[in-house]
């Protein structure tokens, strides 16, 4: 089944692609690997979740923030490769969780993104992962994700703008 069709089946609408907020590009391709820059829980250029997990926001809210961050990564992949169907495998995800003192459930939070990847891509969505707690993240967000994605061999991406 097409990943694009699977999104529709799950009732997921991807947001508009986020714009970089500093001096970097949203993605870089090296061979058949696509490196996705850090994605945060924003929609239409506005941060949706702010605060530290275990303090200002709950782990359940942070799980949703991880899902939204992943949707921003997916729309960036789609923009880069023209279609999510060109993804061969999700290789690795690194998830950063702005954690209040004593919060140790970073893996639960990042499962918001991991669970969605598996729901969309099946076995090709199972990935190596790091879930780490940090003191602060840009713009006060609770979650930031970066991904490495393997594309179907021979797919050359559009030049970034």
N, C-alpha and C. Protein backbone atom coordinates (compact mmCIF):
# COMPACT_ATOMS: atom_id res chain seq x y z
N UNK A 1 0.84 -1.18 0.00
CA UNK A 1 0.00 0.00 0.00
C UNK A 1 0.88 1.25 0.00
N UNK A 2 0.48 2.25 -0.73
CA UNK A 2 1.17 3.53 -0.81
C UNK A 2 1.18 4.21 0.56
N UNK A 3 2.31 4.80 0.91
CA UNK A 3 2.38 5.54 2.17
C UNK A 3 1.46 6.75 2.10
N UNK A 4 1.39 7.38 0.95
CA UNK A 4 0.50 8.52 0.79
C UNK A 4 -0.96 8.09 1.05
N UNK A 5 -1.33 6.91 0.57
CA UNK A 5 -2.69 6.38 0.81
C UNK A 5 -2.86 6.03 2.29
N UNK A 6 -1.82 5.49 2.90
CA UNK A 6 -1.88 5.12 4.31
C UNK A 6 -2.12 6.35 5.19
N UNK A 7 -1.50 7.48 4.84
CA UNK A 7 -1.75 8.73 5.58
C UNK A 7 -3.24 9.06 5.56
N UNK A 8 -3.83 8.99 4.38
CA UNK A 8 -5.26 9.28 4.23
C UNK A 8 -6.09 8.30 5.04
N UNK A 9 -5.73 7.03 4.96
CA UNK A 9 -6.45 5.99 5.70
C UNK A 9 -6.42 6.24 7.20
N UNK A 10 -5.30 6.76 7.71
CA UNK A 10 -5.16 7.05 9.14
C UNK A 10 -5.73 8.42 9.51
N UNK A 11 -6.23 9.16 8.51
CA UNK A 11 -6.81 10.47 8.78
C UNK A 11 -5.77 11.53 9.09
N UNK A 12 -4.55 11.37 8.55
CA UNK A 12 -3.47 12.30 8.83
C UNK A 12 -3.28 13.25 7.66
N UNK A 13 -3.29 14.53 7.97
CA UNK A 13 -2.99 15.56 6.99
C UNK A 13 -1.66 16.17 7.39
N UNK A 14 -0.72 16.17 6.47
CA UNK A 14 0.58 16.75 6.78
C UNK A 14 0.48 18.27 6.77
N UNK A 15 1.21 18.91 7.69
CA UNK A 15 1.21 20.38 7.74
C UNK A 15 2.03 20.95 6.58
N UNK A 16 2.02 22.25 6.45
CA UNK A 16 2.89 22.91 5.48
C UNK A 16 4.34 22.69 5.91
N UNK A 17 5.26 22.60 4.96
CA UNK A 17 6.67 22.39 5.35
C UNK A 17 7.17 23.54 6.23
N UNK A 18 7.85 23.22 7.32
CA UNK A 18 8.38 24.27 8.18
C UNK A 18 9.58 24.95 7.51
N UNK A 19 9.76 26.22 7.81
CA UNK A 19 10.91 26.96 7.31
C UNK A 19 12.01 26.93 8.35
N UNK A 20 13.27 26.85 7.93
CA UNK A 20 14.38 26.91 8.89
C UNK A 20 14.32 28.21 9.70
N UNK A 21 14.69 28.12 10.96
CA UNK A 21 14.69 29.30 11.83
C UNK A 21 16.09 29.83 12.09
N UNK A 22 17.08 29.27 11.41
CA UNK A 22 18.47 29.70 11.57
C UNK A 22 19.21 29.37 10.27
N UNK A 23 20.53 29.34 10.32
CA UNK A 23 21.35 29.11 9.14
C UNK A 23 21.60 27.62 8.94
N UNK A 24 20.65 26.95 8.31
CA UNK A 24 20.77 25.54 7.96
C UNK A 24 19.75 25.24 6.88
N UNK A 25 19.83 24.05 6.32
CA UNK A 25 18.85 23.60 5.33
C UNK A 25 18.02 22.48 5.95
N UNK A 26 16.79 22.28 5.48
CA UNK A 26 15.91 21.28 6.09
C UNK A 26 16.36 19.84 5.87
N UNK A 27 17.13 19.59 4.81
CA UNK A 27 17.58 18.24 4.52
C UNK A 27 18.84 18.28 3.67
N UNK A 28 19.60 17.18 3.75
CA UNK A 28 20.78 16.98 2.91
C UNK A 28 20.75 15.53 2.46
N UNK A 29 21.02 15.31 1.18
CA UNK A 29 21.11 13.95 0.65
C UNK A 29 22.57 13.60 0.43
N UNK A 30 22.96 12.41 0.89
CA UNK A 30 24.28 11.85 0.65
C UNK A 30 24.04 10.42 0.17
N UNK A 31 24.31 10.16 -1.11
CA UNK A 31 24.00 8.86 -1.68
C UNK A 31 22.51 8.61 -1.60
N UNK A 32 22.14 7.46 -1.04
CA UNK A 32 20.71 7.17 -0.91
C UNK A 32 20.17 7.50 0.48
N UNK A 33 20.97 8.23 1.27
CA UNK A 33 20.54 8.64 2.61
C UNK A 33 20.09 10.10 2.61
N UNK A 34 18.99 10.35 3.31
CA UNK A 34 18.45 11.68 3.47
C UNK A 34 18.53 12.03 4.95
N UNK A 35 19.23 13.11 5.26
CA UNK A 35 19.40 13.56 6.63
C UNK A 35 18.43 14.73 6.86
N UNK A 36 17.51 14.56 7.80
CA UNK A 36 16.50 15.57 8.09
C UNK A 36 16.93 16.36 9.32
N UNK A 37 16.97 17.69 9.16
CA UNK A 37 17.33 18.57 10.27
C UNK A 37 16.32 18.47 11.40
N UNK A 38 16.68 19.02 12.54
CA UNK A 38 15.80 18.97 13.71
C UNK A 38 14.43 19.55 13.45
N UNK A 39 13.41 18.78 13.77
CA UNK A 39 12.02 19.18 13.59
C UNK A 39 11.35 19.32 14.96
N UNK A 40 10.57 20.39 15.10
CA UNK A 40 9.91 20.68 16.37
C UNK A 40 8.39 20.66 16.18
N UNK A 41 7.64 20.69 17.27
CA UNK A 41 6.18 20.63 17.17
C UNK A 41 5.58 22.00 16.82
N UNK A 42 5.63 22.31 15.53
CA UNK A 42 5.07 23.57 15.05
C UNK A 42 4.08 23.29 13.93
N UNK A 43 3.21 24.24 13.71
CA UNK A 43 2.25 24.17 12.61
C UNK A 43 2.07 25.59 12.08
N UNK A 44 2.20 25.73 10.77
CA UNK A 44 2.05 27.05 10.13
C UNK A 44 2.97 28.09 10.75
N UNK A 45 4.19 27.67 11.05
CA UNK A 45 5.19 28.60 11.58
C UNK A 45 5.03 28.96 13.04
N UNK A 46 4.10 28.32 13.73
CA UNK A 46 3.88 28.63 15.15
C UNK A 46 4.11 27.39 16.00
N UNK A 47 4.84 27.57 17.09
CA UNK A 47 5.08 26.49 18.03
C UNK A 47 3.76 26.13 18.70
N UNK A 48 3.45 24.82 18.72
CA UNK A 48 2.18 24.35 19.30
C UNK A 48 2.35 23.94 20.77
N UNK A 49 3.50 23.38 21.10
CA UNK A 49 3.76 22.93 22.48
C UNK A 49 5.01 23.65 22.99
N UNK A 50 4.95 24.12 24.23
CA UNK A 50 6.11 24.73 24.89
C UNK A 50 6.18 24.22 26.33
N UNK A 51 7.39 24.11 26.82
CA UNK A 51 7.59 23.75 28.21
C UNK A 51 8.40 22.48 28.36
N UNK A 52 8.75 22.22 29.59
CA UNK A 52 9.52 21.02 29.91
C UNK A 52 8.58 19.90 30.31
N UNK A 53 8.93 18.72 29.86
CA UNK A 53 8.11 17.54 30.15
C UNK A 53 8.31 17.15 31.61
N UNK A 54 7.19 16.88 32.26
CA UNK A 54 7.24 16.55 33.68
C UNK A 54 7.13 17.79 34.54
N UNK A 55 7.08 18.94 33.91
CA UNK A 55 6.91 20.18 34.65
C UNK A 55 5.72 20.96 34.08
N UNK A 56 5.90 21.64 32.94
CA UNK A 56 4.79 22.41 32.36
C UNK A 56 3.84 21.56 31.51
N UNK A 57 4.36 20.49 30.93
CA UNK A 57 3.49 19.63 30.13
C UNK A 57 3.67 18.16 30.53
N UNK A 58 2.62 17.41 30.31
CA UNK A 58 2.62 15.99 30.70
C UNK A 58 3.36 15.15 29.66
N UNK A 59 3.67 13.94 30.05
CA UNK A 59 4.33 13.03 29.10
C UNK A 59 3.38 12.70 27.95
N UNK A 60 2.07 12.68 28.20
CA UNK A 60 1.09 12.41 27.14
C UNK A 60 1.04 13.57 26.13
N UNK A 61 1.10 14.80 26.63
CA UNK A 61 1.16 15.95 25.72
C UNK A 61 2.45 15.93 24.92
N UNK A 62 3.54 15.54 25.56
CA UNK A 62 4.84 15.47 24.88
C UNK A 62 4.84 14.37 23.82
N UNK A 63 4.14 13.26 24.07
CA UNK A 63 3.97 12.19 23.08
C UNK A 63 3.32 12.77 21.83
N UNK A 64 2.27 13.61 22.02
CA UNK A 64 1.61 14.27 20.89
C UNK A 64 2.54 15.27 20.21
N UNK A 65 3.37 15.95 20.99
CA UNK A 65 4.35 16.88 20.42
C UNK A 65 5.36 16.13 19.54
N UNK A 66 5.74 14.93 19.96
CA UNK A 66 6.65 14.11 19.15
C UNK A 66 5.98 13.72 17.83
N UNK A 67 4.70 13.39 17.88
CA UNK A 67 3.96 13.06 16.64
C UNK A 67 3.94 14.25 15.70
N UNK A 68 3.65 15.44 16.22
CA UNK A 68 3.62 16.62 15.38
C UNK A 68 5.00 16.93 14.80
N UNK A 69 6.03 16.76 15.61
CA UNK A 69 7.40 16.95 15.11
C UNK A 69 7.69 15.98 13.96
N UNK A 70 7.21 14.75 14.10
CA UNK A 70 7.40 13.77 13.04
C UNK A 70 6.64 14.17 11.78
N UNK A 71 5.43 14.69 11.92
CA UNK A 71 4.68 15.13 10.74
C UNK A 71 5.46 16.20 9.98
N UNK A 72 6.14 17.08 10.70
CA UNK A 72 6.99 18.08 10.05
C UNK A 72 8.17 17.42 9.34
N UNK A 73 8.71 16.37 9.93
CA UNK A 73 9.78 15.63 9.25
C UNK A 73 9.25 14.94 8.00
N UNK A 74 8.07 14.35 8.09
CA UNK A 74 7.49 13.65 6.94
C UNK A 74 7.20 14.60 5.78
N UNK A 75 6.68 15.78 6.07
CA UNK A 75 6.41 16.72 4.99
C UNK A 75 7.72 17.22 4.38
N UNK A 76 8.77 17.28 5.18
CA UNK A 76 10.09 17.65 4.66
C UNK A 76 10.63 16.55 3.76
N UNK A 77 10.44 15.30 4.16
CA UNK A 77 10.85 14.16 3.31
C UNK A 77 10.06 14.19 2.01
N UNK A 78 8.76 14.41 2.10
CA UNK A 78 7.93 14.47 0.89
C UNK A 78 8.40 15.60 -0.03
N UNK A 79 8.69 16.73 0.55
CA UNK A 79 9.18 17.88 -0.23
C UNK A 79 10.50 17.53 -0.93
N UNK A 80 11.37 16.85 -0.22
CA UNK A 80 12.68 16.50 -0.76
C UNK A 80 12.58 15.44 -1.86
N UNK A 81 11.78 14.40 -1.63
CA UNK A 81 11.75 13.24 -2.52
C UNK A 81 10.53 13.19 -3.43
N UNK A 82 9.65 14.18 -3.34
CA UNK A 82 8.41 14.27 -4.13
C UNK A 82 7.32 13.33 -3.65
N UNK A 83 7.67 12.28 -2.94
CA UNK A 83 6.67 11.34 -2.43
C UNK A 83 7.26 10.52 -1.29
N UNK A 84 6.44 10.25 -0.30
CA UNK A 84 6.89 9.38 0.79
C UNK A 84 7.06 7.94 0.31
N UNK A 85 6.50 7.62 -0.83
CA UNK A 85 6.65 6.27 -1.38
C UNK A 85 8.08 6.01 -1.86
N UNK A 86 8.91 7.01 -1.89
CA UNK A 86 10.32 6.84 -2.26
C UNK A 86 11.20 6.48 -1.05
N UNK A 87 10.58 6.40 0.11
CA UNK A 87 11.32 5.99 1.31
C UNK A 87 11.44 4.48 1.31
N UNK A 88 12.67 4.00 1.40
CA UNK A 88 12.90 2.56 1.50
C UNK A 88 12.89 2.12 2.96
N UNK A 89 13.48 2.95 3.84
CA UNK A 89 13.56 2.58 5.25
C UNK A 89 13.85 3.82 6.08
N UNK A 90 13.27 3.85 7.27
CA UNK A 90 13.67 4.84 8.27
C UNK A 90 14.86 4.20 9.00
N UNK A 91 16.01 4.83 8.91
CA UNK A 91 17.24 4.23 9.44
C UNK A 91 17.42 4.56 10.92
N UNK A 92 17.33 5.85 11.25
CA UNK A 92 17.59 6.24 12.63
C UNK A 92 16.83 7.52 12.96
N UNK A 93 16.40 7.60 14.20
CA UNK A 93 15.80 8.82 14.71
C UNK A 93 16.48 9.16 16.03
N UNK A 94 16.79 10.44 16.19
CA UNK A 94 17.26 10.94 17.47
C UNK A 94 16.19 11.87 18.00
N UNK A 95 15.76 11.62 19.23
CA UNK A 95 14.74 12.44 19.85
C UNK A 95 15.27 13.11 21.10
N UNK A 96 15.12 14.41 21.14
CA UNK A 96 15.55 15.21 22.29
C UNK A 96 14.30 15.64 23.05
N UNK A 97 14.32 15.48 24.36
CA UNK A 97 13.17 15.82 25.19
C UNK A 97 13.62 16.82 26.26
N UNK A 98 13.07 18.04 26.22
CA UNK A 98 13.36 19.02 27.27
C UNK A 98 12.67 18.53 28.54
N UNK A 99 13.46 18.14 29.51
CA UNK A 99 12.95 17.41 30.67
C UNK A 99 13.06 18.21 31.95
N UNK A 100 11.96 18.22 32.70
CA UNK A 100 12.01 18.79 34.03
C UNK A 100 12.84 17.89 34.94
N UNK A 101 13.28 18.43 36.04
CA UNK A 101 14.11 17.67 36.97
C UNK A 101 13.40 16.38 37.39
N UNK A 102 14.11 15.27 37.28
CA UNK A 102 13.58 13.98 37.69
C UNK A 102 12.77 13.26 36.63
N UNK A 103 12.50 13.89 35.48
CA UNK A 103 11.73 13.21 34.43
C UNK A 103 12.65 12.24 33.70
N UNK A 104 12.24 10.96 33.63
CA UNK A 104 13.09 9.92 33.03
C UNK A 104 12.35 9.08 31.99
N UNK A 105 11.22 9.56 31.51
CA UNK A 105 10.43 8.77 30.56
C UNK A 105 10.57 9.28 29.12
N UNK A 106 11.77 9.67 28.74
CA UNK A 106 12.04 10.13 27.38
C UNK A 106 11.66 9.09 26.33
N UNK A 107 11.92 7.79 26.55
CA UNK A 107 11.51 6.81 25.55
C UNK A 107 10.01 6.81 25.29
N UNK A 108 9.19 6.99 26.32
CA UNK A 108 7.74 7.07 26.14
C UNK A 108 7.40 8.24 25.22
N UNK A 109 7.98 9.39 25.48
CA UNK A 109 7.70 10.59 24.68
C UNK A 109 8.04 10.35 23.22
N UNK A 110 9.23 9.85 22.94
CA UNK A 110 9.68 9.68 21.55
C UNK A 110 8.91 8.55 20.87
N UNK A 111 8.30 7.66 21.64
CA UNK A 111 7.41 6.66 21.03
C UNK A 111 6.27 7.31 20.26
N UNK A 112 5.91 8.55 20.58
CA UNK A 112 4.90 9.25 19.79
C UNK A 112 5.28 9.28 18.33
N UNK A 113 6.54 9.51 18.04
CA UNK A 113 7.04 9.52 16.66
C UNK A 113 7.29 8.09 16.16
N UNK A 114 7.91 7.26 16.98
CA UNK A 114 8.24 5.89 16.55
C UNK A 114 6.99 5.08 16.23
N UNK A 115 5.97 5.20 17.08
CA UNK A 115 4.73 4.46 16.85
C UNK A 115 4.09 4.86 15.52
N UNK A 116 4.13 6.15 15.22
CA UNK A 116 3.55 6.63 13.97
C UNK A 116 4.35 6.15 12.76
N UNK A 117 5.67 6.12 12.88
CA UNK A 117 6.49 5.61 11.77
C UNK A 117 6.16 4.15 11.46
N UNK A 118 6.00 3.34 12.49
CA UNK A 118 5.68 1.93 12.28
C UNK A 118 4.26 1.79 11.71
N UNK A 119 3.33 2.61 12.17
CA UNK A 119 1.96 2.56 11.64
C UNK A 119 1.95 2.90 10.15
N UNK A 120 2.80 3.82 9.74
CA UNK A 120 2.83 4.24 8.33
C UNK A 120 3.64 3.31 7.44
N UNK A 121 4.85 2.96 7.88
CA UNK A 121 5.80 2.25 7.03
C UNK A 121 5.93 0.77 7.34
N UNK A 122 5.27 0.28 8.38
CA UNK A 122 5.42 -1.12 8.76
C UNK A 122 6.85 -1.41 9.18
N UNK A 123 7.37 -2.55 8.77
CA UNK A 123 8.74 -2.95 9.15
C UNK A 123 9.77 -1.93 8.68
N UNK A 124 9.55 -1.29 7.55
CA UNK A 124 10.50 -0.28 7.05
C UNK A 124 10.52 0.96 7.94
N UNK A 125 9.54 1.08 8.83
CA UNK A 125 9.50 2.20 9.76
C UNK A 125 10.20 1.92 11.08
N UNK A 126 10.57 0.65 11.31
CA UNK A 126 11.31 0.32 12.54
C UNK A 126 12.74 0.82 12.37
N UNK A 127 13.25 1.50 13.37
CA UNK A 127 14.48 2.25 13.21
C UNK A 127 15.35 2.16 14.46
N UNK A 128 16.63 2.44 14.27
CA UNK A 128 17.51 2.65 15.42
C UNK A 128 17.13 4.00 16.02
N UNK A 129 17.34 4.15 17.34
CA UNK A 129 16.84 5.37 17.97
C UNK A 129 17.63 5.74 19.21
N UNK A 130 17.67 7.03 19.44
CA UNK A 130 18.18 7.59 20.69
C UNK A 130 17.09 8.50 21.23
N UNK A 131 16.78 8.38 22.52
CA UNK A 131 15.83 9.28 23.19
C UNK A 131 16.56 9.84 24.41
N UNK A 132 16.85 11.11 24.35
CA UNK A 132 17.70 11.70 25.39
C UNK A 132 17.03 12.93 26.00
N UNK A 133 17.20 13.08 27.30
CA UNK A 133 16.69 14.25 28.00
C UNK A 133 17.72 15.36 27.95
N UNK A 134 17.23 16.58 27.71
CA UNK A 134 18.10 17.75 27.66
C UNK A 134 17.51 18.85 28.53
N UNK A 135 18.35 19.83 28.88
CA UNK A 135 17.90 20.92 29.74
C UNK A 135 17.01 21.91 29.01
N UNK A 136 17.34 22.23 27.76
CA UNK A 136 16.59 23.22 27.00
C UNK A 136 16.59 22.84 25.52
N UNK A 137 15.54 23.28 24.81
CA UNK A 137 15.48 23.14 23.36
C UNK A 137 15.09 24.49 22.77
N UNK A 138 15.37 24.70 21.48
CA UNK A 138 15.06 25.98 20.86
C UNK A 138 13.59 26.36 21.02
N UNK A 139 13.33 27.64 21.21
CA UNK A 139 11.98 28.20 21.29
C UNK A 139 11.16 27.63 22.44
N UNK A 140 11.82 26.96 23.38
CA UNK A 140 11.12 26.41 24.53
C UNK A 140 10.28 25.19 24.23
N UNK A 141 10.54 24.52 23.07
CA UNK A 141 9.74 23.34 22.73
C UNK A 141 10.13 22.15 23.60
N UNK A 142 9.22 21.20 23.78
CA UNK A 142 9.54 20.03 24.60
C UNK A 142 10.24 18.90 23.85
N UNK A 143 10.15 18.91 22.51
CA UNK A 143 10.66 17.79 21.71
C UNK A 143 11.30 18.32 20.43
N UNK A 144 12.40 17.70 20.04
CA UNK A 144 13.00 17.94 18.73
C UNK A 144 13.47 16.60 18.19
N UNK A 145 13.20 16.36 16.90
CA UNK A 145 13.58 15.09 16.26
C UNK A 145 14.49 15.35 15.08
N UNK A 146 15.41 14.43 14.85
CA UNK A 146 16.17 14.40 13.60
C UNK A 146 16.13 12.98 13.07
N UNK A 147 16.11 12.83 11.75
CA UNK A 147 15.98 11.51 11.14
C UNK A 147 17.02 11.29 10.06
N UNK A 148 17.35 10.02 9.88
CA UNK A 148 18.11 9.56 8.72
C UNK A 148 17.22 8.56 8.01
N UNK A 149 17.01 8.81 6.72
CA UNK A 149 16.07 8.03 5.92
C UNK A 149 16.80 7.48 4.70
N UNK A 150 16.59 6.21 4.41
CA UNK A 150 17.14 5.62 3.18
C UNK A 150 16.08 5.71 2.09
N UNK A 151 16.48 6.25 0.96
CA UNK A 151 15.59 6.35 -0.18
C UNK A 151 15.81 5.20 -1.14
N UNK A 152 14.82 4.92 -1.95
CA UNK A 152 14.96 3.92 -3.00
C UNK A 152 16.16 4.33 -3.85
N UNK A 153 17.03 3.40 -4.17
CA UNK A 153 18.25 3.69 -4.94
C UNK A 153 17.93 4.45 -6.21
N UNK A 154 18.79 5.40 -6.51
CA UNK A 154 18.64 6.15 -7.75
C UNK A 154 17.75 7.38 -7.65
N UNK A 155 17.17 7.64 -6.50
CA UNK A 155 16.32 8.82 -6.34
C UNK A 155 17.21 10.02 -6.05
N UNK A 156 17.19 10.99 -6.94
CA UNK A 156 17.91 12.24 -6.73
C UNK A 156 16.89 13.28 -6.35
N UNK A 157 17.20 14.05 -5.35
CA UNK A 157 16.26 15.01 -4.83
C UNK A 157 16.35 16.35 -5.55
N UNK A 158 15.28 17.10 -5.39
CA UNK A 158 15.27 18.47 -5.89
C UNK A 158 16.26 19.28 -5.06
N UNK A 159 16.80 20.32 -5.66
CA UNK A 159 17.70 21.20 -4.93
C UNK A 159 16.90 21.95 -3.86
N UNK A 160 17.51 22.08 -2.70
CA UNK A 160 16.85 22.79 -1.61
C UNK A 160 16.81 24.28 -1.91
N UNK A 161 15.82 24.93 -1.37
CA UNK A 161 15.70 26.38 -1.56
C UNK A 161 15.74 27.06 -0.23
